[in-house]
Amino acid sequence: MMRIALALMLAVALHGLRAQDYPVKPVRIVVPYGAGSNGENGLRLIAPEMEARLGQRLVIEQRPGGGGNVGAAAVAASAADGYTLLLGATNNFTINQHLYKGIGFDPVSAFEPITMIFDIPFLMYSSIAVPARTLGEFVAYAKANPDKLNYASSGAGTPPHLAGEMLSQLAGIRMTHVPYKSNAQSVAALLAGEVHLFVGLISGAQAQVDAGKLRILATAVPQRTSRHPEVPSAREAGFPSLNISTWWALAAPRGTPKGVVDRVYAAVQSSLRDASLKDRYEQLGMVPVGNAPAELAAQIRSEAAAWGEFIRARNIGID
């Protein structure tokens, strides 16, 4: 018994030592999308600050496929030593498990949440062909023209698709979903009049809005944004429960030592205090966050449950 106790004490001591000394080699961060994603762009902004605080290089790896499921699954199956991390989007943690059949893991239980680095609120864009300058006017027009309006998304099951579904449910309107391959194609369809609404990222159509070719009806979140302080919030427009954004968070495989998780969290939180970094994020329409691991874990559980209920109620799925 004494030998077993000593072995356990030694294992605990070594476990703590590894966490305390971490990292002793470069850390790989998997972004489960192709090159140039918002996640990768946001990560590259903060990477130099994090490297300075961790004392090691960050290796950013794109691993796209299956709506982000391929890269996320690879990290979930990696060694729980803190040297392979996931920078996932909202859907990787809270949505995909309800949309796809047999992804092979449960994101809520497969990861140790570390921190949300940044959030990107959505805006509701409309075609100027629609005689509406506010969200209220758009809803009234849609009610007067049931099944005659289309809304775009960057693919079935993506946040823009779910945003259109949620607005339809909350407003009691009927629109047709038209999926495209990207946000850029969705915006092009909006400009061409093929669709009438697109709920997407702040940076997605700024040039067209500035040129007067598209309108912003409201934010898709309960509050106004610093990038567009003049745009009414969803709450002000009468939809306080509408809250659609894409946030990006770091996570490690389940079982990663708490000391390692806390070390990475501290590096992110400290980096986000840099005023110039915060300014660069806000210029891209990204809101820096840096919440604690326990806060992020609670948010993931809450949002995953809410999205599961919504997706089942709307009968949305991807084979």
C-alpha atoms as a PDB file:
ATOM      1  CA  MET A   1       0.000   0.000   0.000  1.00  0.00           C
ATOM      2  CA  MET A   2       2.866   2.333   0.872  1.00  0.00           C
ATOM      3  CA  ARG A   3       4.430   1.757  -2.543  1.00  0.00           C
ATOM      4  CA  ILE A   4       1.137   2.505  -4.295  1.00  0.00           C
ATOM      5  CA  ALA A   5       0.707   5.691  -2.285  1.00  0.00           C
ATOM      6  CA  LEU A   6       4.239   6.820  -3.105  1.00  0.00           C
ATOM      7  CA  ALA A   7       3.699   6.076  -6.786  1.00  0.00           C
ATOM      8  CA  LEU A   8       0.511   8.126  -6.792  1.00  0.00           C
ATOM      9  CA  MET A   9       2.258  11.009  -5.009  1.00  0.00           C
ATOM     10  CA  LEU A  10       5.101  10.879  -7.537  1.00  0.00           C
ATOM     11  CA  ALA A  11       2.644  10.841 -10.461  1.00  0.00           C
ATOM     12  CA  VAL A  12       0.817  13.871  -9.060  1.00  0.00           C
ATOM     13  CA  ALA A  13       4.108  15.687  -8.491  1.00  0.00           C
ATOM     14  CA  LEU A  14       5.308  14.991 -12.029  1.00  0.00           C
ATOM     15  CA  HIS A  15       1.908  15.992 -13.413  1.00  0.00           C
ATOM     16  CA  GLY A  16       2.152  19.328 -11.635  1.00  0.00           C
ATOM     17  CA  LEU A  17       5.762  19.805 -12.692  1.00  0.00           C
ATOM     18  CA  ARG A  18       4.921  19.319 -16.344  1.00  0.00           C
ATOM     19  CA  ALA A  19       2.132  21.881 -16.079  1.00  0.00           C
ATOM     20  CA  GLN A  20       4.392  24.291 -14.254  1.00  0.00           C
ATOM     21  CA  ASP A  21       7.204  23.985 -16.816  1.00  0.00           C
ATOM     22  CA  TYR A  22       4.879  24.054 -19.835  1.00  0.00           C
ATOM     23  CA  PRO A  23       5.611  24.726 -22.628  1.00  0.00           C
ATOM     24  CA  VAL A  24       9.051  23.324 -23.409  1.00  0.00           C
ATOM     25  CA  LYS A  25       8.477  23.047 -27.173  1.00  0.00           C
ATOM     26  CA  PRO A  26       6.317  24.717 -29.866  1.00  0.00           C
ATOM     27  CA  VAL A  27       2.547  24.513 -29.436  1.00  0.00           C
ATOM     28  CA  ARG A  28       0.414  23.475 -32.405  1.00  0.00           C
ATOM     29  CA  ILE A  29      -2.947  25.200 -32.796  1.00  0.00           C
ATOM     30  CA  VAL A  30      -5.346  23.571 -35.253  1.00  0.00           C
ATOM     31  CA  VAL A  31      -7.831  25.820 -37.057  1.00  0.00           C
ATOM     32  CA  PRO A  32     -10.409  23.445 -38.613  1.00  0.00           C
ATOM     33  CA  TYR A  33     -10.920  25.566 -41.741  1.00  0.00           C
ATOM     34  CA  GLY A  34      -8.950  26.581 -44.808  1.00  0.00           C
ATOM     35  CA  ALA A  35      -6.349  29.330 -44.998  1.00  0.00           C
ATOM     36  CA  GLY A  36      -7.624  32.857 -44.486  1.00  0.00           C
ATOM     37  CA  SER A  37     -10.539  32.055 -42.174  1.00  0.00           C
ATOM     38  CA  ASN A  38     -11.573  34.667 -39.624  1.00  0.00           C
ATOM     39  CA  GLY A  39     -10.292  32.360 -36.920  1.00  0.00           C
ATOM     40  CA  GLU A  40      -6.838  32.137 -38.436  1.00  0.00           C
ATOM     41  CA  ASN A  41      -6.686  35.874 -39.082  1.00  0.00           C
ATOM     42  CA  GLY A  42      -7.679  36.650 -35.502  1.00  0.00           C
ATOM     43  CA  LEU A  43      -5.238  34.094 -34.110  1.00  0.00           C
ATOM     44  CA  ARG A  44      -2.341  35.518 -36.112  1.00  0.00           C
ATOM     45  CA  LEU A  45      -3.026  38.925 -34.565  1.00  0.00           C
ATOM     46  CA  ILE A  46      -2.545  37.655 -31.038  1.00  0.00           C
ATOM     47  CA  ALA A  47       0.060  34.942 -31.746  1.00  0.00           C
ATOM     48  CA  PRO A  48       3.175  37.166 -31.329  1.00  0.00           C
ATOM     49  CA  GLU A  49       1.935  38.398 -27.946  1.00  0.00           C
ATOM     50  CA  MET A  50       1.155  34.858 -26.801  1.00  0.00           C
ATOM     51  CA  GLU A  51       4.541  33.567 -27.980  1.00  0.00           C
ATOM     52  CA  ALA A  52       6.289  36.248 -25.964  1.00  0.00           C
ATOM     53  CA  ARG A  53       4.400  35.240 -22.829  1.00  0.00           C
ATOM     54  CA  LEU A  54       4.664  31.473 -23.334  1.00  0.00           C
ATOM     55  CA  GLY A  55       8.272  31.542 -24.475  1.00  0.00           C
ATOM     56  CA  GLN A  56       7.558  29.171 -27.334  1.00  0.00           C
ATOM     57  CA  ARG A  57       6.490  29.371 -30.962  1.00  0.00           C
ATOM     58  CA  LEU A  58       2.862  28.782 -31.979  1.00  0.00           C
ATOM     59  CA  VAL A  59       2.457  26.632 -35.085  1.00  0.00           C
ATOM     60  CA  ILE A  60      -0.859  27.356 -36.785  1.00  0.00           C
ATOM     61  CA  GLU A  61      -2.221  24.461 -38.828  1.00  0.00           C
ATOM     62  CA  GLN A  62      -5.261  24.611 -41.107  1.00  0.00           C
ATOM     63  CA  ARG A  63      -7.172  21.339 -41.141  1.00  0.00           C
ATOM     64  CA  PRO A  64     -10.463  21.860 -43.005  1.00  0.00           C
ATOM     65  CA  GLY A  65     -13.232  19.416 -43.768  1.00  0.00           C
ATOM     66  CA  GLY A  66     -16.703  18.405 -42.655  1.00  0.00           C
ATOM     67  CA  GLY A  67     -17.765  21.838 -41.482  1.00  0.00           C
ATOM     68  CA  GLY A  68     -14.826  21.947 -39.089  1.00  0.00           C
ATOM     69  CA  ASN A  69     -15.457  18.453 -37.726  1.00  0.00           C
ATOM     70  CA  VAL A  70     -12.291  16.903 -39.201  1.00  0.00           C
ATOM     71  CA  GLY A  71      -9.889  19.269 -37.467  1.00  0.00           C
ATOM     72  CA  ALA A  72     -11.850  19.297 -34.226  1.00  0.00           C
ATOM     73  CA  ALA A  73     -11.936  15.481 -34.107  1.00  0.00           C
ATOM     74  CA  ALA A  74      -8.178  15.334 -34.680  1.00  0.00           C
ATOM     75  CA  VAL A  75      -7.533  17.589 -31.691  1.00  0.00           C
ATOM     76  CA  ALA A  76     -10.016  15.685 -29.517  1.00  0.00           C
ATOM     77  CA  ALA A  77      -8.027  12.500 -30.231  1.00  0.00           C
ATOM     78  CA  SER A  78      -4.631  14.125 -29.553  1.00  0.00           C
ATOM     79  CA  ALA A  79      -2.484  13.691 -26.457  1.00  0.00           C
ATOM     80  CA  ALA A  80      -3.768  15.738 -23.518  1.00  0.00           C
ATOM     81  CA  ASP A  81      -0.419  17.442 -22.940  1.00  0.00           C
ATOM     82  CA  GLY A  82      -1.172  20.996 -24.119  1.00  0.00           C
ATOM     83  CA  TYR A  83       0.907  20.771 -27.282  1.00  0.00           C
ATOM     84  CA  THR A  84      -2.069  20.369 -29.625  1.00  0.00           C
ATOM     85  CA  LEU A  85      -4.883  22.885 -29.184  1.00  0.00           C
ATOM     86  CA  LEU A  86      -8.021  23.741 -31.130  1.00  0.00           C
ATOM     87  CA  LEU A  87      -9.096  27.209 -32.177  1.00  0.00           C
ATOM     88  CA  GLY A  88     -12.717  26.446 -32.951  1.00  0.00           C
ATOM     89  CA  ALA A  89     -15.710  28.551 -33.893  1.00  0.00           C
ATOM     90  CA  THR A  90     -19.140  28.597 -32.247  1.00  0.00           C
ATOM     91  CA  ASN A  91     -20.444  25.771 -34.419  1.00  0.00           C
ATOM     92  CA  ASN A  92     -17.517  23.473 -33.586  1.00  0.00           C
ATOM     93  CA  PHE A  93     -18.427  23.524 -29.902  1.00  0.00           C
ATOM     94  CA  THR A  94     -22.198  24.058 -29.803  1.00  0.00           C
ATOM     95  CA  ILE A  95     -23.907  23.402 -33.154  1.00  0.00           C
ATOM     96  CA  ASN A  96     -22.324  20.721 -35.340  1.00  0.00           C
ATOM     97  CA  GLN A  97     -23.104  17.827 -33.002  1.00  0.00           C
ATOM     98  CA  HIS A  98     -26.803  18.551 -33.556  1.00  0.00           C
ATOM     99  CA  LEU A  99     -26.519  18.911 -37.350  1.00  0.00           C
ATOM    100  CA  TYR A 100     -24.199  16.129 -38.468  1.00  0.00           C
ATOM    101  CA  LYS A 101     -24.725  12.422 -37.955  1.00  0.00           C
ATOM    102  CA  GLY A 102     -21.917  10.402 -36.449  1.00  0.00           C
ATOM    103  CA  ILE A 103     -19.163  13.002 -36.025  1.00  0.00           C
ATOM    104  CA  GLY A 104     -17.573  10.602 -33.539  1.00  0.00           C
ATOM    105  CA  PHE A 105     -17.212  12.870 -30.521  1.00  0.00           C
ATOM    106  CA  ASP A 106     -19.211  15.203 -28.307  1.00  0.00           C
ATOM    107  CA  PRO A 107     -17.594  18.666 -28.316  1.00  0.00           C
ATOM    108  CA  VAL A 108     -19.089  19.488 -24.913  1.00  0.00           C
ATOM    109  CA  SER A 109     -17.240  16.621 -23.237  1.00  0.00           C
ATOM    110  CA  ALA A 110     -14.272  16.100 -25.581  1.00  0.00           C
ATOM    111  CA  PHE A 111     -12.417  19.305 -24.729  1.00  0.00           C
ATOM    112  CA  GLU A 112     -11.053  21.358 -21.862  1.00  0.00           C
ATOM    113  CA  PRO A 113     -12.243  24.904 -22.704  1.00  0.00           C
ATOM    114  CA  ILE A 114      -9.470  27.477 -22.267  1.00  0.00           C
ATOM    115  CA  THR A 115     -10.791  30.880 -23.317  1.00  0.00           C
ATOM    116  CA  MET A 116     -12.758  32.684 -25.997  1.00  0.00           C
ATOM    117  CA  ILE A 117     -10.299  34.952 -27.802  1.00  0.00           C
ATOM    118  CA  PHE A 118     -12.757  37.050 -29.797  1.00  0.00           C
ATOM    119  CA  ASP A 119     -16.362  37.303 -30.880  1.00  0.00           C
ATOM    120  CA  ILE A 120     -17.682  38.593 -34.212  1.00  0.00           C
ATOM    121  CA  PRO A 121     -21.246  39.934 -34.009  1.00  0.00           C
ATOM    122  CA  PHE A 122     -23.481  39.543 -37.056  1.00  0.00           C
ATOM    123  CA  LEU A 123     -25.349  42.291 -38.878  1.00  0.00           C
ATOM    124  CA  MET A 124     -28.565  41.992 -40.864  1.00  0.00           C
ATOM    125  CA  TYR A 125     -28.031  43.210 -44.425  1.00  0.00           C
ATOM    126  CA  SER A 126     -30.832  43.792 -46.908  1.00  0.00           C
ATOM    127  CA  SER A 127     -30.993  44.436 -50.624  1.00  0.00           C
ATOM    128  CA  ILE A 128     -31.915  47.989 -51.593  1.00  0.00           C
ATOM    129  CA  ALA A 129     -34.576  46.383 -53.798  1.00  0.00           C
ATOM    130  CA  VAL A 130     -36.543  45.760 -50.596  1.00  0.00           C
ATOM    131  CA  PRO A 131     -38.516  48.849 -49.521  1.00  0.00           C
ATOM    132  CA  ALA A 132     -37.350  48.661 -45.907  1.00  0.00           C
ATOM    133  CA  ARG A 133     -34.843  50.756 -43.993  1.00  0.00           C
ATOM    134  CA  THR A 134     -35.345  49.152 -40.584  1.00  0.00           C
ATOM    135  CA  LEU A 135     -35.755  45.598 -39.357  1.00  0.00           C
ATOM    136  CA  GLY A 136     -39.338  46.362 -38.374  1.00  0.00           C
ATOM    137  CA  GLU A 137     -40.124  47.525 -41.900  1.00  0.00           C
ATOM    138  CA  PHE A 138     -38.444  44.426 -43.353  1.00  0.00           C
ATOM    139  CA  VAL A 139     -40.525  42.133 -41.141  1.00  0.00           C
ATOM    140  CA  ALA A 140     -43.710  43.959 -42.116  1.00  0.00           C
ATOM    141  CA  TYR A 141     -42.800  43.641 -45.802  1.00  0.00           C
ATOM    142  CA  ALA A 142     -42.030  39.920 -45.367  1.00  0.00           C
ATOM    143  CA  LYS A 143     -45.372  39.346 -43.653  1.00  0.00           C
ATOM    144  CA  ALA A 144     -47.119  41.088 -46.526  1.00  0.00           C
ATOM    145  CA  ASN A 145     -45.231  38.892 -48.998  1.00  0.00           C
ATOM    146  CA  PRO A 146     -45.076  35.391 -47.470  1.00  0.00           C
ATOM    147  CA  ASP A 147     -42.734  32.935 -49.216  1.00  0.00           C
ATOM    148  CA  LYS A 148     -41.640  35.613 -51.699  1.00  0.00           C
ATOM    149  CA  LEU A 149     -38.405  36.659 -49.969  1.00  0.00           C
ATOM    150  CA  ASN A 150     -35.154  34.715 -49.970  1.00  0.00           C
ATOM    151  CA  TYR A 151     -32.288  34.814 -47.512  1.00  0.00           C
ATOM    152  CA  ALA A 152     -28.726  33.735 -48.207  1.00  0.00           C
ATOM    153  CA  SER A 153     -26.228  31.727 -46.223  1.00  0.00           C
ATOM    154  CA  SER A 154     -22.739  30.330 -46.694  1.00  0.00           C
ATOM    155  CA  GLY A 155     -24.129  26.794 -46.543  1.00  0.00           C
ATOM    156  CA  ALA A 156     -26.677  24.629 -44.777  1.00  0.00           C
ATOM    157  CA  GLY A 157     -26.167  24.584 -41.023  1.00  0.00           C
ATOM    158  CA  THR A 158     -23.851  27.591 -40.947  1.00  0.00           C
ATOM    159  CA  PRO A 159     -24.532  30.460 -38.518  1.00  0.00           C
ATOM    160  CA  PRO A 160     -26.003  32.667 -41.325  1.00  0.00           C
ATOM    161  CA  HIS A 161     -28.460  29.864 -42.140  1.00  0.00           C
ATOM    162  CA  LEU A 162     -29.443  29.434 -38.493  1.00  0.00           C
ATOM    163  CA  ALA A 163     -29.720  33.216 -38.137  1.00  0.00           C
ATOM    164  CA  GLY A 164     -32.258  33.358 -40.963  1.00  0.00           C
ATOM    165  CA  GLU A 165     -34.185  30.486 -39.404  1.00  0.00           C
ATOM    166  CA  MET A 166     -34.175  32.160 -36.004  1.00  0.00           C
ATOM    167  CA  LEU A 167     -35.343  35.507 -37.370  1.00  0.00           C
ATOM    168  CA  SER A 168     -38.134  33.736 -39.278  1.00  0.00           C
ATOM    169  CA  GLN A 169     -39.265  31.987 -36.119  1.00  0.00           C
ATOM    170  CA  LEU A 170     -39.101  35.040 -33.855  1.00  0.00           C
ATOM    171  CA  ALA A 171     -40.743  37.390 -36.379  1.00  0.00           C
ATOM    172  CA  GLY A 172     -43.343  34.916 -37.625  1.00  0.00           C
ATOM    173  CA  ILE A 173     -42.323  35.311 -41.268  1.00  0.00           C
ATOM    174  CA  ARG A 174     -41.731  32.809 -44.080  1.00  0.00           C
ATOM    175  CA  MET A 175     -38.610  33.147 -46.225  1.00  0.00           C
ATOM    176  CA  THR A 176     -36.789  30.691 -48.491  1.00  0.00           C
ATOM    177  CA  HIS A 177     -33.250  29.684 -47.620  1.00  0.00           C
ATOM    178  CA  VAL A 178     -30.746  29.852 -50.499  1.00  0.00           C
ATOM    179  CA  PRO A 179     -27.349  28.371 -49.590  1.00  0.00           C
ATOM    180  CA  TYR A 180     -24.150  29.510 -51.309  1.00  0.00           C
ATOM    181  CA  LYS A 181     -20.577  28.297 -50.945  1.00  0.00           C
ATOM    182  CA  SER A 182     -19.235  31.346 -49.123  1.00  0.00           C
ATOM    183  CA  ASN A 183     -20.104  34.646 -47.491  1.00  0.00           C
ATOM    184  CA  ALA A 184     -18.713  36.448 -50.545  1.00  0.00           C
ATOM    185  CA  GLN A 185     -21.144  34.613 -52.839  1.00  0.00           C
ATOM    186  CA  SER A 186     -23.994  35.405 -50.453  1.00  0.00           C
ATOM    187  CA  VAL A 187     -23.176  39.106 -50.606  1.00  0.00           C
ATOM    188  CA  ALA A 188     -22.908  38.945 -54.406  1.00  0.00           C
ATOM    189  CA  ALA A 189     -26.364  37.330 -54.547  1.00  0.00           C
ATOM    190  CA  LEU A 190     -27.727  40.084 -52.319  1.00  0.00           C
ATOM    191  CA  LEU A 191     -26.271  42.730 -54.639  1.00  0.00           C
ATOM    192  CA  ALA A 192     -27.757  40.970 -57.672  1.00  0.00           C
ATOM    193  CA  GLY A 193     -31.200  40.826 -56.075  1.00  0.00           C
ATOM    194  CA  GLU A 194     -31.262  37.022 -56.041  1.00  0.00           C
ATOM    195  CA  VAL A 195     -31.842  37.154 -52.286  1.00  0.00           C
ATOM    196  CA  HIS A 196     -33.248  39.838 -50.027  1.00  0.00           C
ATOM    197  CA  LEU A 197     -31.511  39.273 -46.693  1.00  0.00           C
ATOM    198  CA  PHE A 198     -28.149  38.090 -45.430  1.00  0.00           C
ATOM    199  CA  VAL A 199     -27.217  37.852 -41.765  1.00  0.00           C
ATOM    200  CA  GLY A 200     -23.437  37.842 -41.648  1.00  0.00           C
ATOM    201  CA  LEU A 201     -20.191  39.217 -40.319  1.00  0.00           C
ATOM    202  CA  ILE A 202     -19.538  42.910 -39.846  1.00  0.00           C
ATOM    203  CA  SER A 203     -16.679  42.907 -42.352  1.00  0.00           C
ATOM    204  CA  GLY A 204     -18.621  40.903 -44.928  1.00  0.00           C
ATOM    205  CA  ALA A 205     -20.234  43.726 -46.893  1.00  0.00           C
ATOM    206  CA  GLN A 206     -18.832  46.973 -45.549  1.00  0.00           C
ATOM    207  CA  ALA A 207     -17.664  48.308 -48.918  1.00  0.00           C
ATOM    208  CA  GLN A 208     -21.090  47.723 -50.475  1.00  0.00           C
ATOM    209  CA  VAL A 209     -22.824  49.411 -47.543  1.00  0.00           C
ATOM    210  CA  ASP A 210     -20.486  52.391 -47.819  1.00  0.00           C
ATOM    211  CA  ALA A 211     -21.299  52.612 -51.535  1.00  0.00           C
ATOM    212  CA  GLY A 212     -25.033  52.628 -50.815  1.00  0.00           C
ATOM    213  CA  LYS A 213     -25.590  49.298 -52.552  1.00  0.00           C
ATOM    214  CA  LEU A 214     -26.755  47.450 -49.428  1.00  0.00           C
ATOM    215  CA  ARG A 215     -28.459  48.433 -46.184  1.00  0.00           C
ATOM    216  CA  ILE A 216     -27.809  47.364 -42.605  1.00  0.00           C
ATOM    217  CA  LEU A 217     -31.137  46.890 -40.860  1.00  0.00           C
ATOM    218  CA  ALA A 218     -29.897  46.056 -37.351  1.00  0.00           C
ATOM    219  CA  THR A 219     -27.326  44.057 -35.468  1.00  0.00           C
ATOM    220  CA  ALA A 220     -28.095  40.368 -34.912  1.00  0.00           C
ATOM    221  CA  VAL A 221     -27.075  40.678 -31.253  1.00  0.00           C
ATOM    222  CA  PRO A 222     -28.840  42.380 -28.322  1.00  0.00           C
ATOM    223  CA  GLN A 223     -26.424  45.323 -28.225  1.00  0.00           C
ATOM    224  CA  ARG A 224     -24.974  47.849 -30.677  1.00  0.00           C
ATOM    225  CA  THR A 225     -21.424  47.331 -31.923  1.00  0.00           C
ATOM    226  CA  SER A 226     -18.442  49.641 -31.604  1.00  0.00           C
ATOM    227  CA  ARG A 227     -17.792  49.287 -35.342  1.00  0.00           C
ATOM    228  CA  HIS A 228     -21.341  50.452 -36.194  1.00  0.00           C
ATOM    229  CA  PRO A 229     -22.605  52.442 -33.187  1.00  0.00           C
ATOM    230  CA  GLU A 230     -25.282  54.046 -35.368  1.00  0.00           C
ATOM    231  CA  VAL A 231     -26.961  50.719 -36.203  1.00  0.00           C
ATOM    232  CA  PRO A 232     -29.848  49.750 -33.885  1.00  0.00           C
ATOM    233  CA  SER A 233     -29.459  46.517 -31.950  1.00  0.00           C
ATOM    234  CA  ALA A 234     -31.726  43.504 -32.295  1.00  0.00           C
ATOM    235  CA  ARG A 235     -33.098  44.345 -28.855  1.00  0.00           C
ATOM    236  CA  GLU A 236     -33.955  47.890 -29.953  1.00  0.00           C
ATOM    237  CA  ALA A 237     -35.575  46.481 -33.088  1.00  0.00           C
ATOM    238  CA  GLY A 238     -37.889  44.346 -30.962  1.00  0.00           C
ATOM    239  CA  PHE A 239     -36.005  41.023 -30.924  1.00  0.00           C
ATOM    240  CA  PRO A 240     -34.112  40.873 -27.608  1.00  0.00           C
ATOM    241  CA  SER A 241     -33.557  37.112 -27.810  1.00  0.00           C
ATOM    242  CA  LEU A 242     -31.878  37.268 -31.235  1.00  0.00           C
ATOM    243  CA  ASN A 243     -28.179  36.757 -30.572  1.00  0.00           C
ATOM    244  CA  ILE A 244     -26.114  35.507 -33.516  1.00  0.00           C
ATOM    245  CA  SER A 245     -22.363  35.843 -33.728  1.00  0.00           C
ATOM    246  CA  THR A 246     -19.341  33.698 -34.468  1.00  0.00           C
ATOM    247  CA  TRP A 247     -16.991  33.439 -31.528  1.00  0.00           C
ATOM    248  CA  TRP A 248     -13.625  31.717 -31.621  1.00  0.00           C
ATOM    249  CA  ALA A 249     -12.246  29.879 -28.611  1.00  0.00           C
ATOM    250  CA  LEU A 250      -9.193  27.864 -27.647  1.00  0.00           C
ATOM    251  CA  ALA A 251      -9.633  24.383 -26.225  1.00  0.00           C
ATOM    252  CA  ALA A 252      -7.427  21.419 -25.349  1.00  0.00           C
ATOM    253  CA  PRO A 253      -8.171  17.684 -25.394  1.00  0.00           C
ATOM    254  CA  ARG A 254     -10.092  16.455 -22.356  1.00  0.00           C
ATOM    255  CA  GLY A 255      -7.721  15.549 -19.524  1.00  0.00           C
ATOM    256  CA  THR A 256      -5.172  18.277 -20.221  1.00  0.00           C
ATOM    257  CA  PRO A 257      -3.715  19.388 -16.843  1.00  0.00           C
ATOM    258  CA  LYS A 258      -5.416  22.382 -15.269  1.00  0.00           C
ATOM    259  CA  GLY A 259      -2.057  24.102 -14.888  1.00  0.00           C
ATOM    260  CA  VAL A 260      -1.512  23.923 -18.654  1.00  0.00           C
ATOM    261  CA  VAL A 261      -5.009  25.259 -19.363  1.00  0.00           C
ATOM    262  CA  ASP A 262      -4.468  28.107 -16.904  1.00  0.00           C
ATOM    263  CA  ARG A 263      -1.070  28.931 -18.435  1.00  0.00           C
ATOM    264  CA  VAL A 264      -2.532  29.338 -21.934  1.00  0.00           C
ATOM    265  CA  TYR A 265      -5.514  31.268 -20.574  1.00  0.00           C
ATOM    266  CA  ALA A 266      -3.210  33.662 -18.726  1.00  0.00           C
ATOM    267  CA  ALA A 267      -1.174  34.237 -21.913  1.00  0.00           C
ATOM    268  CA  VAL A 268      -4.318  35.127 -23.882  1.00  0.00           C
ATOM    269  CA  GLN A 269      -5.797  37.317 -21.165  1.00  0.00           C
ATOM    270  CA  SER A 270      -2.535  39.202 -20.666  1.00  0.00           C
ATOM    271  CA  SER A 271      -2.108  39.674 -24.425  1.00  0.00           C
ATOM    272  CA  LEU A 272      -5.601  41.111 -24.813  1.00  0.00           C
ATOM    273  CA  ARG A 273      -4.757  43.896 -22.380  1.00  0.00           C
ATOM    274  CA  ASP A 274      -2.564  45.412 -25.100  1.00  0.00           C
ATOM    275  CA  ALA A 275      -4.469  48.473 -26.338  1.00  0.00           C
ATOM    276  CA  SER A 276      -3.090  48.333 -29.877  1.00  0.00           C
ATOM    277  CA  LEU A 277      -4.114  44.674 -30.201  1.00  0.00           C
ATOM    278  CA  LYS A 278      -7.635  45.483 -29.042  1.00  0.00           C
ATOM    279  CA  ASP A 279      -7.799  48.294 -31.605  1.00  0.00           C
ATOM    280  CA  ARG A 280      -6.717  45.975 -34.415  1.00  0.00           C
ATOM    281  CA  TYR A 281      -9.394  43.471 -33.468  1.00  0.00           C
ATOM    282  CA  GLU A 282     -12.097  46.118 -33.399  1.00  0.00           C
ATOM    283  CA  GLN A 283     -11.043  47.428 -36.817  1.00  0.00           C
ATOM    284  CA  LEU A 284     -11.841  43.952 -38.172  1.00  0.00           C
ATOM    285  CA  GLY A 285     -15.194  43.855 -36.390  1.00  0.00           C
ATOM    286  CA  MET A 286     -13.863  41.426 -33.778  1.00  0.00           C
ATOM    287  CA  VAL A 287     -14.611  41.916 -30.083  1.00  0.00           C
ATOM    288  CA  PRO A 288     -11.778  40.662 -27.812  1.00  0.00           C
ATOM    289  CA  VAL A 289     -13.060  38.559 -24.892  1.00  0.00           C
ATOM    290  CA  GLY A 290     -10.592  36.486 -22.838  1.00  0.00           C
ATOM    291  CA  ASN A 291     -13.095  34.867 -20.459  1.00  0.00           C
ATOM    292  CA  ALA A 292     -12.031  32.293 -17.865  1.00  0.00           C
ATOM    293  CA  PRO A 293     -12.080  28.531 -18.614  1.00  0.00           C
ATOM    294  CA  ALA A 294     -15.019  27.903 -16.263  1.00  0.00           C
ATOM    295  CA  GLU A 295     -17.018  30.733 -17.854  1.00  0.00           C
ATOM    296  CA  LEU A 296     -16.375  29.409 -21.350  1.00  0.00           C
ATOM    297  CA  ALA A 297     -17.296  25.866 -20.301  1.00  0.00           C
ATOM    298  CA  ALA A 298     -20.612  27.087 -18.877  1.00  0.00           C
ATOM    299  CA  GLN A 299     -21.340  29.089 -22.036  1.00  0.00           C
ATOM    300  CA  ILE A 300     -20.609  26.093 -24.264  1.00  0.00           C
ATOM    301  CA  ARG A 301     -22.963  23.863 -22.255  1.00  0.00           C
ATOM    302  CA  SER A 302     -25.721  26.475 -22.276  1.00  0.00           C
ATOM    303  CA  GLU A 303     -25.448  27.334 -25.976  1.00  0.00           C
ATOM    304  CA  ALA A 304     -25.121  23.695 -27.032  1.00  0.00           C
ATOM    305  CA  ALA A 305     -28.361  22.844 -25.222  1.00  0.00           C
ATOM    306  CA  ALA A 306     -30.183  25.855 -26.711  1.00  0.00           C
ATOM    307  CA  TRP A 307     -28.965  25.171 -30.253  1.00  0.00           C
ATOM    308  CA  GLY A 308     -29.899  21.500 -29.957  1.00  0.00           C
ATOM    309  CA  GLU A 309     -33.438  22.404 -28.989  1.00  0.00           C
ATOM    310  CA  PHE A 310     -33.737  24.981 -31.780  1.00  0.00           C
ATOM    311  CA  ILE A 311     -32.309  22.705 -34.491  1.00  0.00           C
ATOM    312  CA  ARG A 312     -34.614  19.847 -33.525  1.00  0.00           C
ATOM    313  CA  ALA A 313     -37.630  22.154 -33.450  1.00  0.00           C
ATOM    314  CA  ARG A 314     -36.817  23.502 -36.927  1.00  0.00           C
ATOM    315  CA  ASN A 315     -35.928  20.034 -38.234  1.00  0.00           C
ATOM    316  CA  ILE A 316     -32.532  21.152 -39.584  1.00  0.00           C
ATOM    317  CA  GLY A 317     -29.920  18.540 -40.362  1.00  0.00           C
ATOM    318  CA  ILE A 318     -26.947  17.629 -42.540  1.00  0.00           C
ATOM    319  CA  ASP A 319     -26.375  14.044 -43.669  1.00  0.00           C
END
